[in-house]
């Protein structure tokens, strides 16, 4: 049985986002992980591990390149088509009920 997690996932995500935002604004600023860790009451080495993991995942998604962009575009298109399809189904049911009532 794995050990229970000390930090909730929301806190992990928030810490990683804060480090990324600070690094984006001031890439040469030293001690960012330590400062964010102190602010959120997270041990700096734990936060450093999360940031490294997030960086690796981001690098992997960037490396996918055009295929990843195509996949995201197709997923958005699929979601839009599903939304339109549900609207058309609702309209068809409405029109069928109107025709049934008229006859």
C-alpha atoms as a PDB file:
ATOM      1  CA  UNK A   1       0.000   0.000   0.000  1.00  0.00           C
ATOM      2  CA  UNK A   2       1.551   3.346  -1.019  1.00  0.00           C
ATOM      3  CA  UNK A   3       2.132   6.042   1.546  1.00  0.00           C
ATOM      4  CA  UNK A   4      -0.568   8.707   1.795  1.00  0.00           C
ATOM      5  CA  UNK A   5       0.202  11.944  -0.009  1.00  0.00           C
ATOM      6  CA  UNK A   6       1.135  14.828   2.244  1.00  0.00           C
ATOM      7  CA  UNK A   7       0.163  17.520  -0.267  1.00  0.00           C
ATOM      8  CA  UNK A   8      -3.134  17.657  -2.173  1.00  0.00           C
ATOM      9  CA  UNK A   9      -2.975  17.704  -5.998  1.00  0.00           C
ATOM     10  CA  UNK A  10      -4.362  21.256  -6.109  1.00  0.00           C
ATOM     11  CA  UNK A  11      -1.444  22.502  -4.026  1.00  0.00           C
ATOM     12  CA  UNK A  12       1.026  20.676  -6.271  1.00  0.00           C
ATOM     13  CA  UNK A  13      -0.489  22.236  -9.374  1.00  0.00           C
ATOM     14  CA  UNK A  14      -0.568  25.697  -7.829  1.00  0.00           C
ATOM     15  CA  UNK A  15       3.072  25.502  -6.728  1.00  0.00           C
ATOM     16  CA  UNK A  16       4.253  24.358 -10.157  1.00  0.00           C
ATOM     17  CA  UNK A  17       2.231  27.101 -11.864  1.00  0.00           C
ATOM     18  CA  UNK A  18       3.637  29.758  -9.541  1.00  0.00           C
ATOM     19  CA  UNK A  19       7.220  28.645 -10.210  1.00  0.00           C
ATOM     20  CA  UNK A  20       6.568  28.612 -13.963  1.00  0.00           C
ATOM     21  CA  UNK A  21       4.999  32.079 -13.876  1.00  0.00           C
ATOM     22  CA  UNK A  22       7.865  33.585 -11.891  1.00  0.00           C
ATOM     23  CA  UNK A  23      10.452  31.921 -14.127  1.00  0.00           C
ATOM     24  CA  UNK A  24       8.635  33.221 -17.210  1.00  0.00           C
ATOM     25  CA  UNK A  25       8.648  36.780 -15.866  1.00  0.00           C
ATOM     26  CA  UNK A  26      12.219  36.708 -14.541  1.00  0.00           C
ATOM     27  CA  UNK A  27      14.175  33.690 -15.847  1.00  0.00           C
ATOM     28  CA  UNK A  28      17.429  34.677 -14.076  1.00  0.00           C
ATOM     29  CA  UNK A  29      15.884  35.017 -10.619  1.00  0.00           C
ATOM     30  CA  UNK A  30      17.587  32.637  -8.157  1.00  0.00           C
ATOM     31  CA  UNK A  31      15.809  30.682  -5.420  1.00  0.00           C
ATOM     32  CA  UNK A  32      12.347  30.669  -6.987  1.00  0.00           C
ATOM     33  CA  UNK A  33      11.511  27.137  -5.866  1.00  0.00           C
ATOM     34  CA  UNK A  34      12.630  27.837  -2.302  1.00  0.00           C
ATOM     35  CA  UNK A  35      10.588  31.067  -2.149  1.00  0.00           C
ATOM     36  CA  UNK A  36       7.424  29.476  -3.533  1.00  0.00           C
ATOM     37  CA  UNK A  37       7.929  26.475  -1.237  1.00  0.00           C
ATOM     38  CA  UNK A  38       8.139  28.737   1.809  1.00  0.00           C
ATOM     39  CA  UNK A  39       5.097  30.700   0.666  1.00  0.00           C
ATOM     40  CA  UNK A  40       2.964  27.577   0.215  1.00  0.00           C
ATOM     41  CA  UNK A  41       4.546  25.659   3.124  1.00  0.00           C
ATOM     42  CA  UNK A  42       5.979  22.955   0.835  1.00  0.00           C
ATOM     43  CA  UNK A  43       9.427  21.464   1.282  1.00  0.00           C
ATOM     44  CA  UNK A  44      11.634  22.896  -1.526  1.00  0.00           C
ATOM     45  CA  UNK A  45      12.945  19.490  -2.646  1.00  0.00           C
ATOM     46  CA  UNK A  46       9.403  18.167  -3.016  1.00  0.00           C
ATOM     47  CA  UNK A  47       8.427  21.220  -5.066  1.00  0.00           C
ATOM     48  CA  UNK A  48      11.626  20.872  -7.133  1.00  0.00           C
ATOM     49  CA  UNK A  49      10.624  17.280  -7.955  1.00  0.00           C
ATOM     50  CA  UNK A  50       7.150  18.392  -9.092  1.00  0.00           C
ATOM     51  CA  UNK A  51       8.590  21.211 -11.216  1.00  0.00           C
ATOM     52  CA  UNK A  52      11.075  18.837 -12.884  1.00  0.00           C
ATOM     53  CA  UNK A  53       8.286  16.372 -13.607  1.00  0.00           C
ATOM     54  CA  UNK A  54       6.074  19.104 -15.096  1.00  0.00           C
ATOM     55  CA  UNK A  55       8.989  20.407 -17.193  1.00  0.00           C
ATOM     56  CA  UNK A  56       9.612  16.899 -18.546  1.00  0.00           C
ATOM     57  CA  UNK A  57       5.935  16.460 -19.426  1.00  0.00           C
ATOM     58  CA  UNK A  58       5.851  19.857 -21.147  1.00  0.00           C
ATOM     59  CA  UNK A  59       8.998  19.016 -23.076  1.00  0.00           C
ATOM     60  CA  UNK A  60       7.479  15.715 -24.166  1.00  0.00           C
ATOM     61  CA  UNK A  61       4.316  17.439 -25.413  1.00  0.00           C
ATOM     62  CA  UNK A  62       6.392  20.065 -27.252  1.00  0.00           C
ATOM     63  CA  UNK A  63       8.482  17.342 -28.848  1.00  0.00           C
ATOM     64  CA  UNK A  64       5.379  15.787 -30.361  1.00  0.00           C
ATOM     65  CA  UNK A  65       5.130  18.880 -32.567  1.00  0.00           C
ATOM     66  CA  UNK A  66       2.641  18.948 -35.419  1.00  0.00           C
ATOM     67  CA  UNK A  67       0.991  15.674 -34.435  1.00  0.00           C
ATOM     68  CA  UNK A  68       0.049  17.091 -31.048  1.00  0.00           C
ATOM     69  CA  UNK A  69      -1.306  20.263 -32.659  1.00  0.00           C
ATOM     70  CA  UNK A  70      -3.356  18.201 -35.110  1.00  0.00           C
ATOM     71  CA  UNK A  71      -4.672  16.050 -32.297  1.00  0.00           C
ATOM     72  CA  UNK A  72      -5.739  19.087 -30.252  1.00  0.00           C
ATOM     73  CA  UNK A  73      -7.390  20.649 -33.315  1.00  0.00           C
ATOM     74  CA  UNK A  74      -9.260  17.414 -34.056  1.00  0.00           C
ATOM     75  CA  UNK A  75     -10.360  17.079 -30.423  1.00  0.00           C
ATOM     76  CA  UNK A  76     -11.766  20.623 -30.484  1.00  0.00           C
ATOM     77  CA  UNK A  77     -13.505  19.931 -33.789  1.00  0.00           C
ATOM     78  CA  UNK A  78     -14.929  16.683 -32.411  1.00  0.00           C
ATOM     79  CA  UNK A  79     -16.290  18.468 -29.329  1.00  0.00           C
ATOM     80  CA  UNK A  80     -17.903  21.136 -31.526  1.00  0.00           C
ATOM     81  CA  UNK A  81     -19.494  18.489 -33.765  1.00  0.00           C
ATOM     82  CA  UNK A  82     -20.854  16.651 -30.732  1.00  0.00           C
ATOM     83  CA  UNK A  83     -22.357  19.912 -29.444  1.00  0.00           C
ATOM     84  CA  UNK A  84     -23.974  20.680 -32.819  1.00  0.00           C
ATOM     85  CA  UNK A  85     -25.248  17.103 -33.081  1.00  0.00           C
ATOM     86  CA  UNK A  86     -26.951  17.327 -29.691  1.00  0.00           C
ATOM     87  CA  UNK A  87     -28.617  20.595 -30.740  1.00  0.00           C
ATOM     88  CA  UNK A  88     -29.860  19.004 -33.966  1.00  0.00           C
ATOM     89  CA  UNK A  89     -31.222  15.990 -32.071  1.00  0.00           C
ATOM     90  CA  UNK A  90     -33.106  18.271 -29.685  1.00  0.00           C
ATOM     91  CA  UNK A  91     -34.513  20.248 -32.629  1.00  0.00           C
ATOM     92  CA  UNK A  92     -35.616  17.042 -34.401  1.00  0.00           C
ATOM     93  CA  UNK A  93     -37.456  15.893 -31.265  1.00  0.00           C
ATOM     94  CA  UNK A  94     -39.116  19.291 -30.966  1.00  0.00           C
ATOM     95  CA  UNK A  95     -40.228  19.284 -34.608  1.00  0.00           C
ATOM     96  CA  UNK A  96     -41.495  15.695 -34.366  1.00  0.00           C
ATOM     97  CA  UNK A  97     -43.585  16.617 -31.340  1.00  0.00           C
ATOM     98  CA  UNK A  98     -44.970  19.666 -33.185  1.00  0.00           C
ATOM     99  CA  UNK A  99     -45.933  17.565 -36.231  1.00  0.00           C
ATOM    100  CA  UNK A 100     -47.544  14.916 -34.002  1.00  0.00           C
ATOM    101  CA  UNK A 101     -49.540  17.568 -32.177  1.00  0.00           C
ATOM    102  CA  UNK A 102     -50.703  19.128 -35.464  1.00  0.00           C
ATOM    103  CA  UNK A 103     -52.006  15.851 -36.875  1.00  0.00           C
END
